[in-house]
Amino acid sequence: MRLRAVTINVQNTEGDPRRLGLLNSELRRLAPDLVALQEVVDTDHLAALLEGTGLHGTHQSEAMSYTPPFVDRYGGNAVASRWPHRVVEVLDQRVRGAGDVPWCTVAAHVSLPDEGDVLFVSHTAAWRLDDEAVREQQALALTDLDARHRTDLPSIIAGDFNAAPEAASIRYLTGRQSLSGRSVHYHDAWEVAGEGPGHTWSVDNAITAALLDQIVRQPGHRRRIDYVFTGSWHAHPKARCEIRAAHLAFDEAVDGVWPSDHHSVVVDVEIGADRAA
């Protein structure tokens, strides 16, 4: 079946209040089947983002018995799907060195018509430029989570990984290097079907430019740090998830207002069990 997956960091509720309407309008236009959302403040914020989309949403707070620190400032993660889903795990990613990271990885089984359940995951990694060692720990924890809950259909993992493709955490996910003596393999949708550099955090975005001036303090900074990954044959030998298209969204200002400090990745796939000849 054809499936559209989107990941978008909505940048909580900072800045121009018109951003919420732009985010909602673009989600309705894109008509995705699966959405990984990051920096969502709470369930009310999620409901406003998804209004009129026909999507079912779950915020991390709905599946947790406690509230991580800094959620009120940075928000949390959420998943949304066109069909019913069931959250199977919320993973607190505050590993050593990431005590201020409130974004918990949310994993859900989504029931696809005539195909069965697929594991869909919304993830966010540590954000500091010098936190790659932390992101490596988080990537290992992410793949352990996938191993616990994956189905026959290839998993779809999406989110704000705060790391460029050449970083160790991303190289690990794409099978290019090991971490702690372990290795895995996922397909990076942009690498398969995207055109151009696919920068999702860029000085070309006026909101991002202000943050880059504070954090990076170097001119012309552009990176691809938001991803959609799909599970490969090695973990899913009875099914396939063929990446057919990948493009950016939320990457233009409307009447001078940028929807978020991140651009979104939109991916179209064909997913299903291998059919007998």
Protein backbone atom coordinates (compact mmCIF):
# COMPACT_ATOMS: atom_id res chain seq x y z
CA MET A 1 0.00 0.00 0.00
CA ARG A 2 1.04 3.60 -0.56
CA LEU A 3 1.91 5.49 2.61
CA ARG A 4 3.04 9.04 3.35
CA ALA A 5 5.17 9.73 6.43
CA VAL A 6 6.10 13.20 7.71
CA THR A 7 8.39 14.39 10.45
CA ILE A 8 8.21 17.95 11.77
CA ASN A 9 9.72 19.71 14.77
CA VAL A 10 7.03 22.29 15.59
CA GLN A 11 9.27 24.38 17.91
CA ASN A 12 6.80 24.34 20.81
CA THR A 13 4.78 27.58 20.98
CA GLU A 14 7.58 30.14 20.77
CA GLY A 15 7.42 33.21 18.60
CA ASP A 16 4.65 34.38 16.28
CA PRO A 17 1.29 32.82 17.27
CA ARG A 18 0.38 32.55 13.57
CA ARG A 19 2.83 29.65 13.30
CA LEU A 20 0.25 27.22 14.68
CA GLY A 21 -2.19 27.95 11.87
CA LEU A 22 0.55 27.57 9.26
CA LEU A 23 1.62 24.23 10.69
CA ASN A 24 -1.95 22.95 10.74
CA SER A 25 -2.69 24.22 7.23
CA GLU A 26 0.37 22.52 5.78
CA LEU A 27 -0.40 19.24 7.53
CA ARG A 28 -3.88 19.30 6.04
CA ARG A 29 -2.43 20.02 2.59
CA LEU A 30 0.14 17.23 2.80
CA ALA A 31 -2.48 14.69 3.95
CA PRO A 32 0.04 12.35 5.61
CA ASP A 33 -0.76 8.91 6.97
CA LEU A 34 1.92 8.95 9.67
CA VAL A 35 3.38 12.00 11.43
CA ALA A 36 6.23 12.20 13.92
CA LEU A 37 6.04 15.48 15.82
CA GLN A 38 8.69 16.96 18.10
CA GLU A 39 8.56 19.79 20.65
CA VAL A 40 4.80 19.51 21.10
CA VAL A 41 3.91 21.25 24.36
CA ASP A 42 0.93 19.16 25.49
CA THR A 43 -2.21 17.37 24.34
CA ASP A 44 -4.06 20.64 23.62
CA HIS A 45 -1.20 21.82 21.42
CA LEU A 46 -1.25 18.47 19.59
CA ALA A 47 -5.01 18.67 19.07
CA ALA A 48 -4.67 22.14 17.54
CA LEU A 49 -1.88 20.98 15.24
CA LEU A 50 -3.98 18.03 14.01
CA GLU A 51 -7.37 19.73 13.80
CA GLY A 52 -9.10 18.86 10.53
CA THR A 53 -6.43 16.38 9.41
CA GLY A 54 -8.35 13.22 10.31
CA LEU A 55 -5.30 11.96 12.19
CA HIS A 56 -5.27 10.21 15.57
CA GLY A 57 -2.59 11.69 17.84
CA THR A 58 -0.87 10.64 21.06
CA HIS A 59 1.44 12.90 23.07
CA GLN A 60 4.17 11.30 25.17
CA SER A 61 2.51 12.61 28.32
CA GLU A 62 -0.53 10.40 27.70
CA ALA A 63 1.57 7.26 28.08
CA MET A 64 3.82 8.35 30.98
CA SER A 65 3.29 8.32 34.72
CA TYR A 66 5.63 11.28 35.31
CA THR A 67 6.67 14.51 33.61
CA PRO A 68 10.33 14.95 32.61
CA PRO A 69 11.91 18.30 33.49
CA PHE A 70 11.96 21.09 30.88
CA VAL A 71 8.82 19.83 29.09
CA ASP A 72 7.14 23.17 29.76
CA ARG A 73 9.98 24.88 27.89
CA TYR A 74 10.88 22.41 25.14
CA GLY A 75 7.75 20.27 24.77
CA GLY A 76 7.67 16.54 24.08
CA ASN A 77 7.26 14.05 21.25
CA ALA A 78 4.06 12.80 19.66
CA VAL A 79 2.85 10.42 16.98
CA ALA A 80 -0.17 10.72 14.72
CA SER A 81 -1.69 8.25 12.28
CA ARG A 82 -4.59 7.99 9.86
CA TRP A 83 -5.59 4.64 11.34
CA PRO A 84 -5.81 3.54 14.97
CA HIS A 85 -2.52 3.10 16.78
CA ARG A 86 -1.40 1.74 20.11
CA VAL A 87 1.60 3.16 21.94
CA VAL A 88 3.86 0.25 22.89
CA GLU A 89 6.64 2.19 24.63
CA VAL A 90 7.73 5.67 25.64
CA LEU A 91 11.48 5.73 26.12
CA ASP A 92 13.01 8.42 28.33
CA GLN A 93 16.19 9.48 26.51
CA ARG A 94 17.77 11.41 29.40
CA VAL A 95 20.93 9.33 29.34
CA ARG A 96 24.16 10.53 30.97
CA GLY A 97 24.94 14.02 29.69
CA ALA A 98 21.41 14.74 28.50
CA GLY A 99 19.56 15.67 31.67
CA ASP A 100 17.79 18.58 29.97
CA VAL A 101 16.33 16.49 27.13
CA PRO A 102 12.58 16.05 27.78
CA TRP A 103 11.78 14.52 24.39
CA CYS A 104 10.91 10.88 24.97
CA THR A 105 10.97 8.49 22.03
CA VAL A 106 7.39 7.40 21.31
CA ALA A 107 6.81 4.03 19.61
CA ALA A 108 3.41 2.89 18.38
CA HIS A 109 1.94 0.00 16.44
CA VAL A 110 -0.23 1.38 13.65
CA SER A 111 -2.84 -0.89 12.08
CA LEU A 112 -2.54 -0.61 8.28
CA PRO A 113 -5.59 -1.80 6.33
CA ASP A 114 -5.07 -5.29 4.88
CA GLU A 115 -1.38 -5.24 5.84
CA GLY A 116 -1.22 -5.55 9.62
CA ASP A 117 0.69 -3.56 12.20
CA VAL A 118 3.77 -1.45 11.52
CA LEU A 119 6.02 0.06 14.18
CA PHE A 120 6.15 3.85 13.87
CA VAL A 121 8.55 5.83 16.05
CA SER A 122 8.95 9.54 16.78
CA HIS A 123 12.43 10.37 18.08
CA THR A 124 14.48 13.38 19.14
CA ALA A 125 18.16 13.33 20.07
CA ALA A 126 20.30 15.62 22.21
CA TRP A 127 20.69 19.01 20.55
CA ARG A 128 24.07 20.45 21.55
CA LEU A 129 26.80 20.47 18.91
CA ASP A 130 29.20 18.68 21.28
CA ASP A 131 26.67 15.99 22.31
CA GLU A 132 27.47 13.34 19.69
CA ALA A 133 28.56 10.87 22.38
CA VAL A 134 25.10 11.29 23.92
CA ARG A 135 23.43 10.89 20.53
CA GLU A 136 25.34 7.64 20.07
CA GLN A 137 23.87 6.29 23.33
CA GLN A 138 20.43 7.41 22.25
CA ALA A 139 20.80 5.76 18.84
CA LEU A 140 21.70 2.47 20.51
CA ALA A 141 18.66 2.78 22.79
CA LEU A 142 16.48 3.60 19.78
CA THR A 143 17.50 0.47 17.89
CA ASP A 144 17.02 -1.64 21.02
CA LEU A 145 13.48 -0.25 21.21
CA ASP A 146 12.90 -1.18 17.58
CA ALA A 147 14.14 -4.71 18.21
CA ARG A 148 11.68 -5.07 21.11
CA HIS A 149 8.62 -4.01 19.12
CA ARG A 150 9.24 -4.40 15.38
CA THR A 151 6.70 -6.31 13.30
CA ASP A 152 6.99 -8.18 10.01
CA LEU A 153 6.46 -4.89 8.18
CA PRO A 154 9.58 -2.68 8.08
CA SER A 155 9.66 -0.15 10.93
CA ILE A 156 9.41 3.55 10.13
CA ILE A 157 11.48 5.77 12.43
CA ALA A 158 11.30 9.54 12.04
CA GLY A 159 12.33 12.64 13.89
CA ASP A 160 14.83 15.34 14.73
CA PHE A 161 18.15 13.54 15.20
CA ASN A 162 20.21 16.75 15.62
CA ALA A 163 23.06 15.18 13.64
CA ALA A 164 24.22 15.45 10.04
CA PRO A 165 24.60 12.31 7.87
CA GLU A 166 28.34 12.08 8.54
CA ALA A 167 27.85 11.91 12.34
CA ALA A 168 28.53 8.61 14.09
CA SER A 169 24.93 8.21 15.29
CA ILE A 170 23.58 8.48 11.73
CA ARG A 171 26.36 6.38 10.26
CA TYR A 172 25.45 3.68 12.78
CA LEU A 173 21.79 3.77 11.78
CA THR A 174 22.65 3.48 8.08
CA GLY A 175 25.04 0.58 8.59
CA ARG A 176 28.23 2.52 7.87
CA GLN A 177 29.86 1.99 11.25
CA SER A 178 29.42 0.11 14.49
CA LEU A 179 28.83 1.52 17.97
CA SER A 180 29.88 -0.36 21.10
CA GLY A 181 30.55 -3.44 19.00
CA ARG A 182 27.06 -3.42 17.51
CA SER A 183 25.71 -2.69 14.05
CA VAL A 184 22.33 -2.26 12.37
CA HIS A 185 21.00 -1.12 9.02
CA TYR A 186 18.16 1.25 8.13
CA HIS A 187 17.44 3.10 4.89
CA ASP A 188 17.72 6.90 5.02
CA ALA A 189 14.75 8.01 2.89
CA TRP A 190 16.37 11.23 1.74
CA GLU A 191 19.47 9.40 0.61
CA VAL A 192 17.32 7.01 -1.43
CA ALA A 193 14.87 9.44 -3.04
CA GLY A 194 15.60 13.05 -2.09
CA GLU A 195 17.06 15.66 -4.42
CA GLY A 196 19.66 18.18 -3.35
CA PRO A 197 21.20 18.60 0.08
CA GLY A 198 17.87 18.42 1.95
CA HIS A 199 18.91 20.87 4.66
CA THR A 200 16.31 21.00 7.41
CA TRP A 201 18.09 23.41 9.78
CA SER A 202 19.35 26.36 7.84
CA VAL A 203 20.36 30.00 8.06
CA ASP A 204 17.95 30.55 5.14
CA ASN A 205 15.11 30.24 7.67
CA ALA A 206 14.83 33.53 9.60
CA ILE A 207 13.87 31.80 12.87
CA THR A 208 16.75 29.36 12.58
CA ALA A 209 19.19 32.13 11.67
CA ALA A 210 18.65 33.77 15.05
CA LEU A 211 19.29 30.47 16.87
CA LEU A 212 22.35 29.74 14.76
CA ASP A 213 23.76 33.13 15.64
CA GLN A 214 23.42 32.17 19.30
CA ILE A 215 24.59 28.54 19.10
CA VAL A 216 26.88 28.15 16.08
CA ARG A 217 28.13 31.69 15.51
CA GLN A 218 29.45 30.91 12.04
CA PRO A 219 28.06 32.19 8.72
CA GLY A 220 26.16 30.06 6.21
CA HIS A 221 25.38 27.15 8.52
CA ARG A 222 23.10 24.54 6.91
CA ARG A 223 22.56 20.91 7.93
CA ARG A 224 20.28 17.96 7.30
CA ILE A 225 19.29 16.80 10.78
CA ASP A 226 15.69 15.56 10.36
CA TYR A 227 15.17 12.06 8.97
CA VAL A 228 12.80 9.29 8.03
CA PHE A 229 14.38 5.84 8.28
CA THR A 230 12.86 2.54 7.20
CA GLY A 231 13.78 -0.93 8.38
CA SER A 232 15.70 -3.10 5.93
CA TRP A 233 15.50 -6.68 4.68
CA HIS A 234 17.90 -7.84 7.40
CA ALA A 235 15.28 -7.28 10.11
CA HIS A 236 12.19 -7.70 7.91
CA PRO A 237 12.81 -10.52 5.42
CA LYS A 238 9.10 -11.14 4.74
CA ALA A 239 8.13 -7.61 3.70
CA ARG A 240 9.38 -4.48 2.03
CA CYS A 241 9.12 -0.71 2.32
CA GLU A 242 10.15 0.87 -0.98
CA ILE A 243 10.94 4.58 -0.72
CA ARG A 244 9.42 6.26 -3.77
CA ALA A 245 9.80 9.98 -3.01
CA ALA A 246 11.25 12.38 -0.45
CA HIS A 247 10.93 16.13 -0.32
CA LEU A 248 10.95 19.05 2.11
CA ALA A 249 7.93 20.92 3.46
CA PHE A 250 7.37 23.78 5.93
CA ASP A 251 10.38 25.31 4.17
CA GLU A 252 8.95 28.68 3.11
CA ALA A 253 7.69 31.74 4.95
CA VAL A 254 4.06 32.77 4.51
CA ASP A 255 3.48 36.52 4.75
CA GLY A 256 6.85 36.76 6.44
CA VAL A 257 6.11 34.04 9.01
CA TRP A 258 8.10 30.78 9.09
CA PRO A 259 6.11 27.77 10.39
CA SER A 260 9.03 26.48 12.48
CA ASP A 261 12.79 26.65 12.90
CA HIS A 262 12.96 23.20 11.27
CA HIS A 263 11.96 22.17 7.78
CA SER A 264 10.02 18.94 7.47
CA VAL A 265 10.81 15.72 5.60
CA VAL A 266 7.93 14.17 3.62
CA VAL A 267 8.38 10.59 2.39
CA ASP A 268 6.17 8.41 0.22
CA VAL A 269 6.63 4.64 0.43
CA GLU A 270 5.10 1.42 -0.80
CA ILE A 271 4.86 -0.95 2.15
CA GLY A 272 3.57 -4.49 2.42
CA ALA A 273 4.28 -8.15 2.83
CA ASP A 274 6.07 -9.95 0.03
CA ARG A 275 3.48 -11.60 -2.16
CA ALA A 276 3.81 -15.19 -3.33
CA ALA A 277 4.57 -15.43 -7.05
